[in-house]
Amino acid sequence: MSTHPPHTIAPSDLPQTITRYLRAHRDRDTATAVTAFTGDATVTDDGKTYQGATAIEQWLSRSATEFTYTIELTDAQQTDPTHYVATHHLEGNFPGGSVDLRYQFTLRDDLIARLVIEP
């Protein structure tokens, strides 16, 4: 990640690629969500890393069906032109019932090259 401190931005100021992914993820539209990633992208979620389009598509499919939950964007930050953080509040039937997660995006060529999701 960048060494610059993040600054808060309006959620509407997130890059289109990120908002497309977030909307598709919220709507459980795996086919659209996966198009937001580079072919060699990595996703780290729940301590596991998924590399490449096929692994990311499988992760998206599993996360869309494993639990039922609502997701609300609560904060957006930009560190530099290629690094963004979108904080979401999730509530659902997963262990604990609610959590705030930071989706840390690294962009390359207007696509998501890296996504790290953590509390």
C-alpha atoms as a PDB file:
ATOM      1  CA  MET A   1       0.000   0.000   0.000  1.00  0.00           C
ATOM      2  CA  SER A   2       0.954   3.628  -0.303  1.00  0.00           C
ATOM      3  CA  THR A   3       2.733   5.469   2.488  1.00  0.00           C
ATOM      4  CA  HIS A   4       0.520   8.565   2.158  1.00  0.00           C
ATOM      5  CA  PRO A   5      -2.155   9.024   4.822  1.00  0.00           C
ATOM      6  CA  PRO A   6      -5.662   8.411   3.491  1.00  0.00           C
ATOM      7  CA  HIS A   7      -8.179  11.227   3.271  1.00  0.00           C
ATOM      8  CA  THR A   8     -11.942  10.899   3.346  1.00  0.00           C
ATOM      9  CA  ILE A   9     -13.790  11.263   0.061  1.00  0.00           C
ATOM     10  CA  ALA A  10     -17.458  11.098  -0.879  1.00  0.00           C
ATOM     11  CA  PRO A  11     -18.496   7.547  -1.828  1.00  0.00           C
ATOM     12  CA  SER A  12     -19.554   8.983  -5.186  1.00  0.00           C
ATOM     13  CA  ASP A  13     -15.897   9.956  -5.757  1.00  0.00           C
ATOM     14  CA  LEU A  14     -14.720   6.337  -5.735  1.00  0.00           C
ATOM     15  CA  PRO A  15     -13.491   5.261  -9.184  1.00  0.00           C
ATOM     16  CA  GLN A  16     -16.127   3.735 -11.455  1.00  0.00           C
ATOM     17  CA  THR A  17     -14.394   0.335 -11.396  1.00  0.00           C
ATOM     18  CA  ILE A  18     -14.683   0.159  -7.602  1.00  0.00           C
ATOM     19  CA  THR A  19     -18.323   1.264  -7.547  1.00  0.00           C
ATOM     20  CA  ARG A  20     -19.136  -1.273 -10.297  1.00  0.00           C
ATOM     21  CA  TYR A  21     -17.504  -4.043  -8.249  1.00  0.00           C
ATOM     22  CA  LEU A  22     -19.169  -2.959  -4.992  1.00  0.00           C
ATOM     23  CA  ARG A  23     -22.625  -2.732  -6.615  1.00  0.00           C
ATOM     24  CA  ALA A  24     -22.217  -6.142  -8.284  1.00  0.00           C
ATOM     25  CA  HIS A  25     -20.905  -7.684  -5.041  1.00  0.00           C
ATOM     26  CA  ARG A  26     -23.837  -6.246  -3.083  1.00  0.00           C
ATOM     27  CA  ASP A  27     -26.266  -7.551  -5.732  1.00  0.00           C
ATOM     28  CA  ARG A  28     -24.463 -10.935  -5.766  1.00  0.00           C
ATOM     29  CA  ASP A  29     -23.787 -10.497  -9.501  1.00  0.00           C
ATOM     30  CA  THR A  30     -20.575 -12.533  -9.763  1.00  0.00           C
ATOM     31  CA  ALA A  31     -20.291 -12.218 -13.557  1.00  0.00           C
ATOM     32  CA  THR A  32     -20.196  -8.410 -13.378  1.00  0.00           C
ATOM     33  CA  ALA A  33     -18.062  -8.261 -10.222  1.00  0.00           C
ATOM     34  CA  VAL A  34     -15.251 -10.343 -11.721  1.00  0.00           C
ATOM     35  CA  THR A  35     -14.962  -7.980 -14.722  1.00  0.00           C
ATOM     36  CA  ALA A  36     -13.691  -5.244 -12.375  1.00  0.00           C
ATOM     37  CA  PHE A  37     -10.447  -7.189 -11.743  1.00  0.00           C
ATOM     38  CA  THR A  38      -7.255  -7.518 -13.773  1.00  0.00           C
ATOM     39  CA  GLY A  39      -6.557 -11.041 -15.049  1.00  0.00           C
ATOM     40  CA  ASP A  40      -3.746 -11.483 -12.511  1.00  0.00           C
ATOM     41  CA  ALA A  41      -5.458  -9.764  -9.580  1.00  0.00           C
ATOM     42  CA  THR A  42      -5.245 -10.991  -5.998  1.00  0.00           C
ATOM     43  CA  VAL A  43      -7.919 -10.887  -3.322  1.00  0.00           C
ATOM     44  CA  THR A  44      -7.178 -11.490   0.340  1.00  0.00           C
ATOM     45  CA  ASP A  45     -10.256 -12.163   2.472  1.00  0.00           C
ATOM     46  CA  ASP A  46     -10.564 -13.866   5.833  1.00  0.00           C
ATOM     47  CA  GLY A  47      -6.849 -14.673   5.812  1.00  0.00           C
ATOM     48  CA  LYS A  48      -6.934 -16.470   2.450  1.00  0.00           C
ATOM     49  CA  THR A  49      -5.514 -15.160  -0.829  1.00  0.00           C
ATOM     50  CA  TYR A  50      -7.084 -15.822  -4.234  1.00  0.00           C
ATOM     51  CA  GLN A  51      -4.934 -15.227  -7.341  1.00  0.00           C
ATOM     52  CA  GLY A  52      -6.264 -14.783 -10.878  1.00  0.00           C
ATOM     53  CA  ALA A  53      -9.680 -14.478 -12.462  1.00  0.00           C
ATOM     54  CA  THR A  54     -10.779 -18.104 -11.943  1.00  0.00           C
ATOM     55  CA  ALA A  55      -9.919 -18.158  -8.227  1.00  0.00           C
ATOM     56  CA  ILE A  56     -11.526 -14.736  -7.703  1.00  0.00           C
ATOM     57  CA  GLU A  57     -14.694 -15.841  -9.504  1.00  0.00           C
ATOM     58  CA  GLN A  58     -14.897 -18.941  -7.272  1.00  0.00           C
ATOM     59  CA  TRP A  59     -14.364 -16.755  -4.165  1.00  0.00           C
ATOM     60  CA  LEU A  60     -17.097 -14.346  -5.311  1.00  0.00           C
ATOM     61  CA  SER A  61     -19.527 -17.199  -5.990  1.00  0.00           C
ATOM     62  CA  ARG A  62     -18.875 -18.753  -2.585  1.00  0.00           C
ATOM     63  CA  SER A  63     -19.145 -15.445  -0.702  1.00  0.00           C
ATOM     64  CA  ALA A  64     -22.421 -14.663  -2.502  1.00  0.00           C
ATOM     65  CA  THR A  65     -24.077 -17.903  -1.377  1.00  0.00           C
ATOM     66  CA  GLU A  66     -22.432 -18.858   1.934  1.00  0.00           C
ATOM     67  CA  PHE A  67     -24.323 -16.342   4.088  1.00  0.00           C
ATOM     68  CA  THR A  68     -27.244 -13.952   3.812  1.00  0.00           C
ATOM     69  CA  TYR A  69     -26.332 -10.397   4.750  1.00  0.00           C
ATOM     70  CA  THR A  70     -26.895  -6.725   4.085  1.00  0.00           C
ATOM     71  CA  ILE A  71     -23.997  -4.462   3.212  1.00  0.00           C
ATOM     72  CA  GLU A  72     -23.829  -0.700   3.636  1.00  0.00           C
ATOM     73  CA  LEU A  73     -20.989   1.577   2.505  1.00  0.00           C
ATOM     74  CA  THR A  74     -20.156   3.730   5.544  1.00  0.00           C
ATOM     75  CA  ASP A  75     -16.882   5.459   4.583  1.00  0.00           C
ATOM     76  CA  ALA A  76     -14.603   6.021   1.591  1.00  0.00           C
ATOM     77  CA  GLN A  77     -10.978   7.125   1.581  1.00  0.00           C
ATOM     78  CA  GLN A  78      -8.287   7.779  -0.998  1.00  0.00           C
ATOM     79  CA  THR A  79      -4.577   7.381  -0.274  1.00  0.00           C
ATOM     80  CA  ASP A  80      -3.281   8.236  -3.758  1.00  0.00           C
ATOM     81  CA  PRO A  81      -4.523   7.861  -7.361  1.00  0.00           C
ATOM     82  CA  THR A  82      -4.378   4.045  -7.223  1.00  0.00           C
ATOM     83  CA  HIS A  83      -5.225   3.227  -3.571  1.00  0.00           C
ATOM     84  CA  TYR A  84      -8.700   3.471  -2.051  1.00  0.00           C
ATOM     85  CA  VAL A  85     -10.460   2.144   1.034  1.00  0.00           C
ATOM     86  CA  ALA A  86     -14.221   1.528   1.228  1.00  0.00           C
ATOM     87  CA  THR A  87     -15.535   0.651   4.681  1.00  0.00           C
ATOM     88  CA  HIS A  88     -18.711  -1.425   4.834  1.00  0.00           C
ATOM     89  CA  HIS A  89     -21.015  -2.455   7.639  1.00  0.00           C
ATOM     90  CA  LEU A  90     -22.364  -5.996   7.180  1.00  0.00           C
ATOM     91  CA  GLU A  91     -25.201  -7.611   9.105  1.00  0.00           C
ATOM     92  CA  GLY A  92     -26.383 -11.142   8.548  1.00  0.00           C
ATOM     93  CA  ASN A  93     -26.373 -14.801   9.521  1.00  0.00           C
ATOM     94  CA  PHE A  94     -22.576 -15.177   9.606  1.00  0.00           C
ATOM     95  CA  PRO A  95     -20.674 -15.768  12.880  1.00  0.00           C
ATOM     96  CA  GLY A  96     -20.947 -12.629  15.032  1.00  0.00           C
ATOM     97  CA  GLY A  97     -23.902 -11.238  13.075  1.00  0.00           C
ATOM     98  CA  SER A  98     -22.347  -7.850  12.254  1.00  0.00           C
ATOM     99  CA  VAL A  99     -18.941  -6.513  11.267  1.00  0.00           C
ATOM    100  CA  ASP A 100     -17.283  -3.451   9.780  1.00  0.00           C
ATOM    101  CA  LEU A 101     -14.881  -4.408   6.982  1.00  0.00           C
ATOM    102  CA  ARG A 102     -12.274  -2.333   5.176  1.00  0.00           C
ATOM    103  CA  TYR A 103     -12.045  -3.096   1.456  1.00  0.00           C
ATOM    104  CA  GLN A 104      -8.561  -1.894   0.448  1.00  0.00           C
ATOM    105  CA  PHE A 105      -8.246  -1.495  -3.310  1.00  0.00           C
ATOM    106  CA  THR A 106      -5.165  -1.135  -5.505  1.00  0.00           C
ATOM    107  CA  LEU A 107      -5.950  -0.153  -9.089  1.00  0.00           C
ATOM    108  CA  ARG A 108      -3.953  -0.757 -12.255  1.00  0.00           C
ATOM    109  CA  ASP A 109      -5.109   0.313 -15.727  1.00  0.00           C
ATOM    110  CA  ASP A 110      -8.543   1.275 -14.311  1.00  0.00           C
ATOM    111  CA  LEU A 111      -9.124  -2.226 -12.926  1.00  0.00           C
ATOM    112  CA  ILE A 112      -8.700  -3.760  -9.470  1.00  0.00           C
ATOM    113  CA  ALA A 113      -5.259  -5.383  -9.232  1.00  0.00           C
ATOM    114  CA  ARG A 114      -5.424  -6.102  -5.505  1.00  0.00           C
ATOM    115  CA  LEU A 115      -8.194  -6.205  -2.905  1.00  0.00           C
ATOM    116  CA  VAL A 116      -7.599  -6.827   0.783  1.00  0.00           C
ATOM    117  CA  ILE A 117     -10.668  -7.215   3.002  1.00  0.00           C
ATOM    118  CA  GLU A 118     -10.161  -7.039   6.756  1.00  0.00           C
ATOM    119  CA  PRO A 119     -11.803  -5.720   9.903  1.00  0.00           C
END
